[in-house]
Amino acid sequence: MSFGRREFLTLMAAGGGSSLVLAACGRLGGGAPRKGPLIGILQMVDAPPPNLTREGFVQALVDAGYRNGETVTFLQKDAAGELPNTTLVMKQFLGEKVDMVLAVGTPPLQAAMKVMPESVPVIFCYCSNPWGAGAGKPPGGVGQHRPNVVGTIGTNPVGQELDLARQVNPALKTAGLIFNPGEPNSEYEAKILKQQAAQRGITIVEQSVANSGEVLQAAQALAEKQVQAFVKIGDYATIQAFNAICKVGLENKIPVYSVDPPDIDLPGCLGVIGWNYRDDGYAAGKLAVRVLKGASPATMAFEPLTKTDLLVSQATAKAIGVELPEALLKQADKVVS
């Protein structure tokens, strides 16, 4: 295999018994035979947004006749929330001689760009910043990206998230943001959020964290600063600990907004506007099918997502004493009562 013993032991220690660790010595899943093309799938964390995206990808392949264990073989891994693990897993994929890589998220794509040769097609989804990952130049048209990479661009609609918060509270002037500036996706979206906020006369009050364990304390610190709302961007620390932000929002009657649709079912989350992750993965899966059938990623353009879902929670509104506008309730794709 192409990675050393020390790297493998490091990966074993980080992953423990989780889905992080591949079988050693190049064997797949306890020695199961490889059937069809071998696709290495890596996501940053085991959480609803990337999971739903991956499920959409798999469904697109099933619809095209590629079924895991029958006509295609998947090596599905997550990096346990640790950036160094993304590179280690990509090196494992390289050692396993995968025929294709699916990078679910910006950090996995960044690792693929570092490790994978141009002979291995790389498909990406659930990705806000492919440019920061080294995949190409905006907007990612034909000739503007590395010849072996193609995927969907899902930079979160943070401007629309601010508009949603302003629709609920027309007097909104401050919003609290928690994020890990060490993540390329988070740094990118935080910059966009601040630009969009400035255009709307909203001040973003930041609280940086290094991991999910620091999110609760960060949320409490922002509540003490009397922010009028919490907003979320594409950030793995807050994806893993968003329930902590919602808890603080409930306790302090502060509206909490997200860009991840699954969050609407958490008590304390008032509203969400974001991409449908199954649709994101499905679109990436259709690109992968084209590649599996012989097309080159070099002949394809990156595909930006365009359709958002709007979800609001009447239950949370009642709990924090907020009245949702009737027009917003009629506009919503889902209302949690």
C-alpha atoms as a PDB file:
ATOM      1  CA  MET A   1       0.000   0.000   0.000  1.00  0.00           C
ATOM      2  CA  SER A   2       1.155   3.581  -0.591  1.00  0.00           C
ATOM      3  CA  PHE A   3       1.158   4.843   3.018  1.00  0.00           C
ATOM      4  CA  GLY A   4       3.642   3.946   5.708  1.00  0.00           C
ATOM      5  CA  ARG A   5       3.276   1.922   8.867  1.00  0.00           C
ATOM      6  CA  ARG A   6       3.484   5.043  11.042  1.00  0.00           C
ATOM      7  CA  GLU A   7       0.638   6.702   9.120  1.00  0.00           C
ATOM      8  CA  PHE A   8      -1.451   3.548   9.371  1.00  0.00           C
ATOM      9  CA  LEU A   9      -0.915   3.334  13.152  1.00  0.00           C
ATOM     10  CA  THR A  10      -1.833   7.017  13.461  1.00  0.00           C
ATOM     11  CA  LEU A  11      -5.028   6.379  11.529  1.00  0.00           C
ATOM     12  CA  MET A  12      -5.833   3.339  13.645  1.00  0.00           C
ATOM     13  CA  ALA A  13      -5.405   5.376  16.823  1.00  0.00           C
ATOM     14  CA  ALA A  14      -7.601   8.184  15.513  1.00  0.00           C
ATOM     15  CA  GLY A  15     -10.315   5.981  14.104  1.00  0.00           C
ATOM     16  CA  GLY A  16     -10.496   3.222  16.675  1.00  0.00           C
ATOM     17  CA  GLY A  17     -13.417   0.983  15.812  1.00  0.00           C
ATOM     18  CA  SER A  18     -15.228   3.593  13.750  1.00  0.00           C
ATOM     19  CA  SER A  19     -15.826   3.627  10.004  1.00  0.00           C
ATOM     20  CA  LEU A  20     -12.558   5.488   9.587  1.00  0.00           C
ATOM     21  CA  VAL A  21     -10.270   2.464   9.326  1.00  0.00           C
ATOM     22  CA  LEU A  22     -10.027   0.372   6.168  1.00  0.00           C
ATOM     23  CA  ALA A  23      -8.987  -3.257   6.182  1.00  0.00           C
ATOM     24  CA  ALA A  24      -5.220  -3.612   6.119  1.00  0.00           C
ATOM     25  CA  CYS A  25      -3.082  -5.248   3.416  1.00  0.00           C
ATOM     26  CA  GLY A  26      -5.289  -4.097   0.562  1.00  0.00           C
ATOM     27  CA  ARG A  27      -8.225  -6.371   1.369  1.00  0.00           C
ATOM     28  CA  LEU A  28     -11.750  -5.012   1.139  1.00  0.00           C
ATOM     29  CA  GLY A  29     -14.263  -5.366   3.966  1.00  0.00           C
ATOM     30  CA  GLY A  30     -12.979  -8.548   5.588  1.00  0.00           C
ATOM     31  CA  GLY A  31     -11.712 -10.003   2.317  1.00  0.00           C
ATOM     32  CA  ALA A  32     -14.913  -9.491   0.299  1.00  0.00           C
ATOM     33  CA  PRO A  33     -14.200  -9.654  -3.455  1.00  0.00           C
ATOM     34  CA  ARG A  34     -14.224  -6.444  -5.442  1.00  0.00           C
ATOM     35  CA  LYS A  35     -17.095  -6.224  -7.916  1.00  0.00           C
ATOM     36  CA  GLY A  36     -17.145  -3.610 -10.636  1.00  0.00           C
ATOM     37  CA  PRO A  37     -15.463  -0.205 -10.281  1.00  0.00           C
ATOM     38  CA  LEU A  38     -14.097   0.586  -6.815  1.00  0.00           C
ATOM     39  CA  ILE A  39     -15.239   3.978  -5.475  1.00  0.00           C
ATOM     40  CA  GLY A  40     -13.671   5.457  -2.356  1.00  0.00           C
ATOM     41  CA  ILE A  41     -16.164   7.684  -0.502  1.00  0.00           C
ATOM     42  CA  LEU A  42     -14.878  10.088   2.152  1.00  0.00           C
ATOM     43  CA  GLN A  43     -16.819  12.575   4.257  1.00  0.00           C
ATOM     44  CA  MET A  44     -15.578  14.672   7.142  1.00  0.00           C
ATOM     45  CA  VAL A  45     -18.055  13.579   9.823  1.00  0.00           C
ATOM     46  CA  ASP A  46     -20.896  11.139  10.361  1.00  0.00           C
ATOM     47  CA  ALA A  47     -23.770  13.635  10.503  1.00  0.00           C
ATOM     48  CA  PRO A  48     -27.138  14.127   8.735  1.00  0.00           C
ATOM     49  CA  PRO A  49     -26.083  16.715   6.090  1.00  0.00           C
ATOM     50  CA  PRO A  50     -23.162  14.766   4.573  1.00  0.00           C
ATOM     51  CA  ASN A  51     -24.976  11.459   5.123  1.00  0.00           C
ATOM     52  CA  LEU A  52     -27.994  12.644   3.142  1.00  0.00           C
ATOM     53  CA  THR A  53     -25.710  13.929   0.402  1.00  0.00           C
ATOM     54  CA  ARG A  54     -23.951  10.573   0.182  1.00  0.00           C
ATOM     55  CA  GLU A  55     -27.306   8.767   0.078  1.00  0.00           C
ATOM     56  CA  GLY A  56     -28.364  10.910  -2.875  1.00  0.00           C
ATOM     57  CA  PHE A  57     -25.144   9.997  -4.683  1.00  0.00           C
ATOM     58  CA  VAL A  58     -25.697   6.288  -4.071  1.00  0.00           C
ATOM     59  CA  GLN A  59     -29.291   6.535  -5.289  1.00  0.00           C
ATOM     60  CA  ALA A  60     -28.180   8.116  -8.559  1.00  0.00           C
ATOM     61  CA  LEU A  61     -25.807   5.212  -9.135  1.00  0.00           C
ATOM     62  CA  VAL A  62     -28.500   2.657  -8.254  1.00  0.00           C
ATOM     63  CA  ASP A  63     -30.869   4.296 -10.731  1.00  0.00           C
ATOM     64  CA  ALA A  64     -28.183   3.904 -13.390  1.00  0.00           C
ATOM     65  CA  GLY A  65     -27.625   0.215 -12.569  1.00  0.00           C
ATOM     66  CA  TYR A  66     -24.619   0.522 -10.259  1.00  0.00           C
ATOM     67  CA  ARG A  67     -25.414  -1.360  -7.030  1.00  0.00           C
ATOM     68  CA  ASN A  68     -22.922  -1.720  -4.224  1.00  0.00           C
ATOM     69  CA  GLY A  69     -21.605  -5.276  -3.986  1.00  0.00           C
ATOM     70  CA  GLU A  70     -23.075  -6.217  -7.358  1.00  0.00           C
ATOM     71  CA  THR A  71     -21.920  -3.896 -10.132  1.00  0.00           C
ATOM     72  CA  VAL A  72     -19.829  -1.449  -8.102  1.00  0.00           C
ATOM     73  CA  THR A  73     -17.918  -1.561  -4.801  1.00  0.00           C
ATOM     74  CA  PHE A  74     -17.911   1.281  -2.263  1.00  0.00           C
ATOM     75  CA  LEU A  75     -15.259   2.016   0.356  1.00  0.00           C
ATOM     76  CA  GLN A  76     -17.164   4.405   2.622  1.00  0.00           C
ATOM     77  CA  LYS A  77     -15.241   6.317   5.303  1.00  0.00           C
ATOM     78  CA  ASP A  78     -15.444   9.413   7.481  1.00  0.00           C
ATOM     79  CA  ALA A  79     -12.533  11.384   8.911  1.00  0.00           C
ATOM     80  CA  ALA A  80     -13.970  11.508  12.455  1.00  0.00           C
ATOM     81  CA  GLY A  81     -13.967  15.304  12.242  1.00  0.00           C
ATOM     82  CA  GLU A  82     -10.167  15.519  12.045  1.00  0.00           C
ATOM     83  CA  LEU A  83      -8.576  17.294   9.080  1.00  0.00           C
ATOM     84  CA  PRO A  84      -5.321  15.221   9.092  1.00  0.00           C
ATOM     85  CA  ASN A  85      -7.378  12.053   8.718  1.00  0.00           C
ATOM     86  CA  THR A  86      -8.672  13.161   5.335  1.00  0.00           C
ATOM     87  CA  THR A  87      -5.184  12.895   3.861  1.00  0.00           C
ATOM     88  CA  LEU A  88      -4.522   9.566   5.538  1.00  0.00           C
ATOM     89  CA  VAL A  89      -7.727   8.044   4.195  1.00  0.00           C
ATOM     90  CA  MET A  90      -7.020   9.364   0.700  1.00  0.00           C
ATOM     91  CA  LYS A  91      -3.630   7.634   0.852  1.00  0.00           C
ATOM     92  CA  GLN A  92      -5.433   4.447   1.811  1.00  0.00           C
ATOM     93  CA  PHE A  93      -7.750   4.853  -1.150  1.00  0.00           C
ATOM     94  CA  LEU A  94      -4.707   5.294  -3.377  1.00  0.00           C
ATOM     95  CA  GLY A  95      -3.218   2.097  -1.964  1.00  0.00           C
ATOM     96  CA  GLU A  96      -6.483   0.264  -2.602  1.00  0.00           C
ATOM     97  CA  LYS A  97      -6.263   1.405  -6.252  1.00  0.00           C
ATOM     98  CA  VAL A  98      -9.717   2.976  -6.322  1.00  0.00           C
ATOM     99  CA  ASP A  99     -11.196   3.740  -9.729  1.00  0.00           C
ATOM    100  CA  MET A 100     -12.944   6.874  -8.504  1.00  0.00           C
ATOM    101  CA  VAL A 101     -13.166   9.072  -5.409  1.00  0.00           C
ATOM    102  CA  LEU A 102     -16.263  10.781  -4.029  1.00  0.00           C
ATOM    103  CA  ALA A 103     -15.264  13.705  -1.799  1.00  0.00           C
ATOM    104  CA  VAL A 104     -18.227  14.734   0.367  1.00  0.00           C
ATOM    105  CA  GLY A 105     -17.184  18.193   1.543  1.00  0.00           C
ATOM    106  CA  THR A 106     -14.399  20.704   1.053  1.00  0.00           C
ATOM    107  CA  PRO A 107     -11.749  19.113   3.347  1.00  0.00           C
ATOM    108  CA  PRO A 108     -12.067  15.672   1.694  1.00  0.00           C
ATOM    109  CA  LEU A 109     -11.804  17.347  -1.714  1.00  0.00           C
ATOM    110  CA  GLN A 110      -8.721  19.237  -0.561  1.00  0.00           C
ATOM    111  CA  ALA A 111      -7.137  15.935   0.502  1.00  0.00           C
ATOM    112  CA  ALA A 112      -8.030  14.329  -2.819  1.00  0.00           C
ATOM    113  CA  MET A 113      -6.369  17.189  -4.689  1.00  0.00           C
ATOM    114  CA  LYS A 114      -3.192  16.626  -2.664  1.00  0.00           C
ATOM    115  CA  VAL A 115      -3.065  12.842  -2.927  1.00  0.00           C
ATOM    116  CA  MET A 116      -4.837  11.572  -6.022  1.00  0.00           C
ATOM    117  CA  PRO A 117      -3.056  11.479  -9.396  1.00  0.00           C
ATOM    118  CA  GLU A 118      -4.848  12.865 -12.427  1.00  0.00           C
ATOM    119  CA  SER A 119      -5.526   9.305 -13.561  1.00  0.00           C
ATOM    120  CA  VAL A 120      -8.148   8.915 -10.804  1.00  0.00           C
ATOM    121  CA  PRO A 121     -11.466  10.754 -11.346  1.00  0.00           C
ATOM    122  CA  VAL A 122     -12.608  12.778  -8.329  1.00  0.00           C
ATOM    123  CA  ILE A 123     -16.279  13.705  -7.918  1.00  0.00           C
ATOM    124  CA  PHE A 124     -17.250  16.176  -5.202  1.00  0.00           C
ATOM    125  CA  CYS A 125     -20.456  17.336  -3.512  1.00  0.00           C
ATOM    126  CA  TYR A 126     -21.520  19.017  -0.253  1.00  0.00           C
ATOM    127  CA  CYS A 127     -18.758  21.470  -1.089  1.00  0.00           C
ATOM    128  CA  SER A 128     -18.840  25.217  -0.558  1.00  0.00           C
ATOM    129  CA  ASN A 129     -15.320  26.067  -1.641  1.00  0.00           C
ATOM    130  CA  PRO A 130     -13.801  23.835  -4.362  1.00  0.00           C
ATOM    131  CA  TRP A 131     -11.482  26.727  -5.275  1.00  0.00           C
ATOM    132  CA  GLY A 132      -9.910  26.752  -1.811  1.00  0.00           C
ATOM    133  CA  ALA A 133      -9.492  23.001  -2.089  1.00  0.00           C
ATOM    134  CA  GLY A 134      -7.368  23.435  -5.206  1.00  0.00           C
ATOM    135  CA  ALA A 135      -9.866  22.011  -7.686  1.00  0.00           C
ATOM    136  CA  GLY A 136      -9.884  24.932 -10.113  1.00  0.00           C
ATOM    137  CA  LYS A 137     -10.824  28.543 -10.700  1.00  0.00           C
ATOM    138  CA  PRO A 138     -14.317  30.095 -10.521  1.00  0.00           C
ATOM    139  CA  PRO A 139     -16.782  29.374 -11.918  1.00  0.00           C
ATOM    140  CA  GLY A 140     -15.344  25.963 -12.791  1.00  0.00           C
ATOM    141  CA  GLY A 141     -16.239  25.797 -16.452  1.00  0.00           C
ATOM    142  CA  VAL A 142     -14.580  23.485 -18.962  1.00  0.00           C
ATOM    143  CA  GLY A 143     -10.871  24.293 -18.931  1.00  0.00           C
ATOM    144  CA  GLN A 144     -11.105  26.050 -15.561  1.00  0.00           C
ATOM    145  CA  HIS A 145     -10.524  23.045 -13.334  1.00  0.00           C
ATOM    146  CA  ARG A 146      -8.212  20.093 -12.921  1.00  0.00           C
ATOM    147  CA  PRO A 147      -8.949  17.572 -15.685  1.00  0.00           C
ATOM    148  CA  ASN A 148      -9.846  14.709 -13.325  1.00  0.00           C
ATOM    149  CA  VAL A 149     -12.260  16.566 -11.046  1.00  0.00           C
ATOM    150  CA  VAL A 150     -15.902  17.619 -11.333  1.00  0.00           C
ATOM    151  CA  GLY A 151     -18.787  18.078  -8.933  1.00  0.00           C
ATOM    152  CA  THR A 152     -21.491  20.270  -7.447  1.00  0.00           C
ATOM    153  CA  ILE A 153     -20.919  23.632  -5.774  1.00  0.00           C
ATOM    154  CA  GLY A 154     -22.980  24.140  -2.627  1.00  0.00           C
ATOM    155  CA  THR A 155     -21.838  27.441  -1.153  1.00  0.00           C
ATOM    156  CA  ASN A 156     -24.544  27.992   1.432  1.00  0.00           C
ATOM    157  CA  PRO A 157     -27.142  30.740   0.785  1.00  0.00           C
ATOM    158  CA  VAL A 158     -26.056  32.819   3.785  1.00  0.00           C
ATOM    159  CA  GLY A 159     -27.507  36.011   2.352  1.00  0.00           C
ATOM    160  CA  GLN A 160     -30.927  34.369   2.196  1.00  0.00           C
ATOM    161  CA  GLU A 161     -30.399  33.130   5.746  1.00  0.00           C
ATOM    162  CA  LEU A 162     -29.944  36.739   6.863  1.00  0.00           C
ATOM    163  CA  ASP A 163     -33.037  37.751   4.899  1.00  0.00           C
ATOM    164  CA  LEU A 164     -34.991  35.040   6.718  1.00  0.00           C
ATOM    165  CA  ALA A 165     -33.810  36.363  10.084  1.00  0.00           C
ATOM    166  CA  ARG A 166     -34.710  39.921   9.027  1.00  0.00           C
ATOM    167  CA  GLN A 167     -38.139  38.766   7.845  1.00  0.00           C
ATOM    168  CA  VAL A 168     -38.842  37.439  11.339  1.00  0.00           C
ATOM    169  CA  ASN A 169     -37.302  40.481  13.016  1.00  0.00           C
ATOM    170  CA  PRO A 170     -37.254  43.575  10.763  1.00  0.00           C
ATOM    171  CA  ALA A 171     -35.238  45.432  13.433  1.00  0.00           C
ATOM    172  CA  LEU A 172     -32.417  42.862  13.410  1.00  0.00           C
ATOM    173  CA  LYS A 173     -29.034  44.544  13.814  1.00  0.00           C
ATOM    174  CA  THR A 174     -26.704  41.884  15.255  1.00  0.00           C
ATOM    175  CA  ALA A 175     -26.227  38.167  14.626  1.00  0.00           C
ATOM    176  CA  GLY A 176     -23.875  35.763  16.349  1.00  0.00           C
ATOM    177  CA  LEU A 177     -21.660  33.418  14.342  1.00  0.00           C
ATOM    178  CA  ILE A 178     -19.667  30.466  15.690  1.00  0.00           C
ATOM    179  CA  PHE A 179     -17.179  28.801  13.357  1.00  0.00           C
ATOM    180  CA  ASN A 180     -13.769  27.174  13.082  1.00  0.00           C
ATOM    181  CA  PRO A 181     -11.513  29.483  11.004  1.00  0.00           C
ATOM    182  CA  GLY A 182      -9.139  26.545  10.489  1.00  0.00           C
ATOM    183  CA  GLU A 183     -11.569  24.934   8.051  1.00  0.00           C
ATOM    184  CA  PRO A 184     -11.248  26.223   4.456  1.00  0.00           C
ATOM    185  CA  ASN A 185     -15.003  25.912   3.922  1.00  0.00           C
ATOM    186  CA  SER A 186     -15.808  27.821   7.130  1.00  0.00           C
ATOM    187  CA  GLU A 187     -13.371  30.647   6.507  1.00  0.00           C
ATOM    188  CA  TYR A 188     -14.762  31.070   2.992  1.00  0.00           C
ATOM    189  CA  GLU A 189     -18.418  31.152   4.021  1.00  0.00           C
ATOM    190  CA  ALA A 190     -17.750  33.403   7.028  1.00  0.00           C
ATOM    191  CA  LYS A 191     -16.238  35.961   4.664  1.00  0.00           C
ATOM    192  CA  ILE A 192     -19.291  35.794   2.401  1.00  0.00           C
ATOM    193  CA  LEU A 193     -21.662  36.057   5.385  1.00  0.00           C
ATOM    194  CA  LYS A 194     -19.929  39.194   6.655  1.00  0.00           C
ATOM    195  CA  GLN A 195     -20.078  40.767   3.198  1.00  0.00           C
ATOM    196  CA  GLN A 196     -23.788  39.976   2.896  1.00  0.00           C
ATOM    197  CA  ALA A 197     -24.448  41.246   6.420  1.00  0.00           C
ATOM    198  CA  ALA A 198     -22.693  44.536   5.728  1.00  0.00           C
ATOM    199  CA  GLN A 199     -24.924  45.075   2.701  1.00  0.00           C
ATOM    200  CA  ARG A 200     -27.958  44.645   4.978  1.00  0.00           C
ATOM    201  CA  GLY A 201     -26.737  46.792   7.867  1.00  0.00           C
ATOM    202  CA  ILE A 202     -26.291  43.768  10.136  1.00  0.00           C
ATOM    203  CA  THR A 203     -23.244  43.334  12.383  1.00  0.00           C
ATOM    204  CA  ILE A 204     -21.828  39.819  12.682  1.00  0.00           C
ATOM    205  CA  VAL A 205     -20.447  39.083  16.139  1.00  0.00           C
ATOM    206  CA  GLU A 206     -17.924  36.253  15.796  1.00  0.00           C
ATOM    207  CA  GLN A 207     -16.843  33.575  18.223  1.00  0.00           C
ATOM    208  CA  SER A 208     -14.173  31.215  16.905  1.00  0.00           C
ATOM    209  CA  VAL A 209     -13.791  27.608  18.036  1.00  0.00           C
ATOM    210  CA  ALA A 210     -11.243  24.877  17.341  1.00  0.00           C
ATOM    211  CA  ASN A 211     -13.644  21.943  17.643  1.00  0.00           C
ATOM    212  CA  SER A 212     -17.202  20.956  18.517  1.00  0.00           C
ATOM    213  CA  GLY A 213     -16.402  20.738  22.222  1.00  0.00           C
ATOM    214  CA  GLU A 214     -16.025  24.514  22.379  1.00  0.00           C
ATOM    215  CA  VAL A 215     -19.352  25.382  20.739  1.00  0.00           C
ATOM    216  CA  LEU A 216     -21.526  25.492  23.871  1.00  0.00           C
ATOM    217  CA  GLN A 217     -19.228  27.941  25.652  1.00  0.00           C
ATOM    218  CA  ALA A 218     -18.993  30.064  22.499  1.00  0.00           C
ATOM    219  CA  ALA A 219     -22.781  30.225  22.231  1.00  0.00           C
ATOM    220  CA  GLN A 220     -23.075  31.250  25.868  1.00  0.00           C
ATOM    221  CA  ALA A 221     -20.493  33.996  25.303  1.00  0.00           C
ATOM    222  CA  LEU A 222     -22.487  35.356  22.352  1.00  0.00           C
ATOM    223  CA  ALA A 223     -25.701  35.267  24.378  1.00  0.00           C
ATOM    224  CA  GLU A 224     -23.995  37.383  27.030  1.00  0.00           C
ATOM    225  CA  LYS A 225     -23.171  39.890  24.283  1.00  0.00           C
ATOM    226  CA  GLN A 226     -26.918  40.038  23.591  1.00  0.00           C
ATOM    227  CA  VAL A 227     -26.854  39.075  19.933  1.00  0.00           C
ATOM    228  CA  GLN A 228     -30.336  39.162  18.411  1.00  0.00           C
ATOM    229  CA  ALA A 229     -29.953  35.907  16.479  1.00  0.00           C
ATOM    230  CA  PHE A 230     -27.618  33.001  15.877  1.00  0.00           C
ATOM    231  CA  VAL A 231     -26.724  32.131  12.278  1.00  0.00           C
ATOM    232  CA  LYS A 232     -24.940  29.054  10.974  1.00  0.00           C
ATOM    233  CA  ILE A 233     -22.605  28.521   8.039  1.00  0.00           C
ATOM    234  CA  GLY A 234     -21.052  25.370   6.573  1.00  0.00           C
ATOM    235  CA  ASP A 235     -18.789  24.487   9.496  1.00  0.00           C
ATOM    236  CA  TYR A 236     -18.063  21.006  10.855  1.00  0.00           C
ATOM    237  CA  ALA A 237     -17.653  22.109  14.479  1.00  0.00           C
ATOM    238  CA  THR A 238     -21.163  23.568  14.538  1.00  0.00           C
ATOM    239  CA  ILE A 239     -22.597  20.742  12.434  1.00  0.00           C
ATOM    240  CA  GLN A 240     -21.549  18.357  15.208  1.00  0.00           C
ATOM    241  CA  ALA A 241     -22.686  20.588  18.079  1.00  0.00           C
ATOM    242  CA  PHE A 242     -25.570  22.595  16.661  1.00  0.00           C
ATOM    243  CA  ASN A 243     -27.831  21.261  19.410  1.00  0.00           C
ATOM    244  CA  ALA A 244     -25.693  23.254  21.882  1.00  0.00           C
ATOM    245  CA  ILE A 245     -26.414  26.490  19.994  1.00  0.00           C
ATOM    246  CA  CYS A 246     -30.115  25.631  19.905  1.00  0.00           C
ATOM    247  CA  LYS A 247     -30.056  24.969  23.672  1.00  0.00           C
ATOM    248  CA  VAL A 248     -28.568  28.388  24.375  1.00  0.00           C
ATOM    249  CA  GLY A 249     -31.054  29.971  21.980  1.00  0.00           C
ATOM    250  CA  LEU A 250     -33.973  28.414  23.851  1.00  0.00           C
ATOM    251  CA  GLU A 251     -32.630  29.393  27.251  1.00  0.00           C
ATOM    252  CA  ASN A 252     -32.091  33.005  26.203  1.00  0.00           C
ATOM    253  CA  LYS A 253     -35.027  33.294  23.757  1.00  0.00           C
ATOM    254  CA  ILE A 254     -32.694  34.043  20.853  1.00  0.00           C
ATOM    255  CA  PRO A 255     -33.784  32.899  17.370  1.00  0.00           C
ATOM    256  CA  VAL A 256     -31.442  30.341  15.803  1.00  0.00           C
ATOM    257  CA  TYR A 257     -31.144  29.984  12.031  1.00  0.00           C
ATOM    258  CA  SER A 258     -29.389  27.336   9.964  1.00  0.00           C
ATOM    259  CA  VAL A 259     -28.485  26.399   6.403  1.00  0.00           C
ATOM    260  CA  ASP A 260     -28.848  22.650   7.062  1.00  0.00           C
ATOM    261  CA  PRO A 261     -32.463  21.441   6.569  1.00  0.00           C
ATOM    262  CA  PRO A 262     -32.206  18.505   9.051  1.00  0.00           C
ATOM    263  CA  ASP A 263     -31.615  21.074  11.832  1.00  0.00           C
ATOM    264  CA  ILE A 264     -35.240  22.224  11.774  1.00  0.00           C
ATOM    265  CA  ASP A 265     -36.216  19.209  13.867  1.00  0.00           C
ATOM    266  CA  LEU A 266     -33.975  20.330  16.736  1.00  0.00           C
ATOM    267  CA  PRO A 267     -35.795  22.223  19.518  1.00  0.00           C
ATOM    268  CA  GLY A 268     -34.507  25.777  19.403  1.00  0.00           C
ATOM    269  CA  CYS A 269     -33.958  26.011  15.652  1.00  0.00           C
ATOM    270  CA  LEU A 270     -36.424  28.603  14.357  1.00  0.00           C
ATOM    271  CA  GLY A 271     -35.740  28.568  10.637  1.00  0.00           C
ATOM    272  CA  VAL A 272     -33.622  27.042   7.895  1.00  0.00           C
ATOM    273  CA  ILE A 273     -32.938  27.922   4.311  1.00  0.00           C
ATOM    274  CA  GLY A 274     -30.537  25.625   2.526  1.00  0.00           C
ATOM    275  CA  TRP A 275     -29.887  23.064  -0.157  1.00  0.00           C
ATOM    276  CA  ASN A 276     -31.679  19.757  -0.386  1.00  0.00           C
ATOM    277  CA  TYR A 277     -28.739  17.469   0.324  1.00  0.00           C
ATOM    278  CA  ARG A 278     -30.171  14.411  -1.404  1.00  0.00           C
ATOM    279  CA  ASP A 279     -30.558  16.510  -4.551  1.00  0.00           C
ATOM    280  CA  ASP A 280     -26.944  17.657  -4.196  1.00  0.00           C
ATOM    281  CA  GLY A 281     -25.664  14.097  -3.925  1.00  0.00           C
ATOM    282  CA  TYR A 282     -27.926  12.898  -6.708  1.00  0.00           C
ATOM    283  CA  ALA A 283     -26.584  15.557  -9.078  1.00  0.00           C
ATOM    284  CA  ALA A 284     -23.027  14.512  -8.216  1.00  0.00           C
ATOM    285  CA  GLY A 285     -24.010  10.890  -8.745  1.00  0.00           C
ATOM    286  CA  LYS A 286     -25.225  11.675 -12.251  1.00  0.00           C
ATOM    287  CA  LEU A 287     -21.837  13.219 -13.004  1.00  0.00           C
ATOM    288  CA  ALA A 288     -20.160  10.087 -11.646  1.00  0.00           C
ATOM    289  CA  VAL A 289     -22.303   7.871 -13.871  1.00  0.00           C
ATOM    290  CA  ARG A 290     -21.174   9.817 -16.911  1.00  0.00           C
ATOM    291  CA  VAL A 291     -17.557   9.267 -15.894  1.00  0.00           C
ATOM    292  CA  LEU A 292     -18.131   5.566 -15.195  1.00  0.00           C
ATOM    293  CA  LYS A 293     -19.541   5.270 -18.713  1.00  0.00           C
ATOM    294  CA  GLY A 294     -16.425   6.771 -20.245  1.00  0.00           C
ATOM    295  CA  ALA A 295     -16.789  10.557 -20.182  1.00  0.00           C
ATOM    296  CA  SER A 296     -13.846  12.644 -18.983  1.00  0.00           C
ATOM    297  CA  PRO A 297     -14.353  15.135 -16.109  1.00  0.00           C
ATOM    298  CA  ALA A 298     -12.285  17.537 -18.201  1.00  0.00           C
ATOM    299  CA  THR A 299     -15.234  17.878 -20.598  1.00  0.00           C
ATOM    300  CA  MET A 300     -17.680  18.822 -17.824  1.00  0.00           C
ATOM    301  CA  ALA A 301     -18.347  22.011 -15.879  1.00  0.00           C
ATOM    302  CA  PHE A 302     -18.858  22.307 -12.131  1.00  0.00           C
ATOM    303  CA  GLU A 303     -22.576  22.492 -11.327  1.00  0.00           C
ATOM    304  CA  PRO A 304     -23.785  25.074  -8.780  1.00  0.00           C
ATOM    305  CA  LEU A 305     -26.847  24.213  -6.739  1.00  0.00           C
ATOM    306  CA  THR A 306     -29.819  26.504  -7.305  1.00  0.00           C
ATOM    307  CA  LYS A 307     -32.882  25.199  -5.427  1.00  0.00           C
ATOM    308  CA  THR A 308     -33.263  25.856  -1.715  1.00  0.00           C
ATOM    309  CA  ASP A 309     -35.677  24.487   0.884  1.00  0.00           C
ATOM    310  CA  LEU A 310     -37.298  26.822   3.432  1.00  0.00           C
ATOM    311  CA  LEU A 311     -38.313  25.339   6.780  1.00  0.00           C
ATOM    312  CA  VAL A 312     -39.623  27.015   9.936  1.00  0.00           C
ATOM    313  CA  SER A 313     -40.640  25.828  13.393  1.00  0.00           C
ATOM    314  CA  GLN A 314     -43.813  27.049  15.065  1.00  0.00           C
ATOM    315  CA  ALA A 315     -42.874  24.991  18.133  1.00  0.00           C
ATOM    316  CA  THR A 316     -39.635  26.935  18.596  1.00  0.00           C
ATOM    317  CA  ALA A 317     -41.371  30.229  17.826  1.00  0.00           C
ATOM    318  CA  LYS A 318     -43.807  29.611  20.676  1.00  0.00           C
ATOM    319  CA  ALA A 319     -41.015  28.550  23.028  1.00  0.00           C
ATOM    320  CA  ILE A 320     -39.040  31.765  22.530  1.00  0.00           C
ATOM    321  CA  GLY A 321     -42.002  34.114  22.188  1.00  0.00           C
ATOM    322  CA  VAL A 322     -41.624  34.942  18.496  1.00  0.00           C
ATOM    323  CA  GLU A 323     -44.481  35.326  16.026  1.00  0.00           C
ATOM    324  CA  LEU A 324     -43.727  34.032  12.554  1.00  0.00           C
ATOM    325  CA  PRO A 325     -45.165  36.222   9.760  1.00  0.00           C
ATOM    326  CA  GLU A 326     -48.101  34.646   7.953  1.00  0.00           C
ATOM    327  CA  ALA A 327     -46.423  35.234   4.601  1.00  0.00           C
ATOM    328  CA  LEU A 328     -43.399  33.247   5.788  1.00  0.00           C
ATOM    329  CA  LEU A 329     -45.566  30.341   6.917  1.00  0.00           C
ATOM    330  CA  LYS A 330     -47.229  30.211   3.510  1.00  0.00           C
ATOM    331  CA  GLN A 331     -43.881  30.370   1.747  1.00  0.00           C
ATOM    332  CA  ALA A 332     -42.268  27.585   3.782  1.00  0.00           C
ATOM    333  CA  ASP A 333     -41.734  24.123   2.316  1.00  0.00           C
ATOM    334  CA  LYS A 334     -42.149  22.649   5.807  1.00  0.00           C
ATOM    335  CA  VAL A 335     -43.612  23.967   9.062  1.00  0.00           C
ATOM    336  CA  VAL A 336     -42.808  22.118  12.286  1.00  0.00           C
ATOM    337  CA  SER A 337     -45.697  22.512  14.704  1.00  0.00           C
END
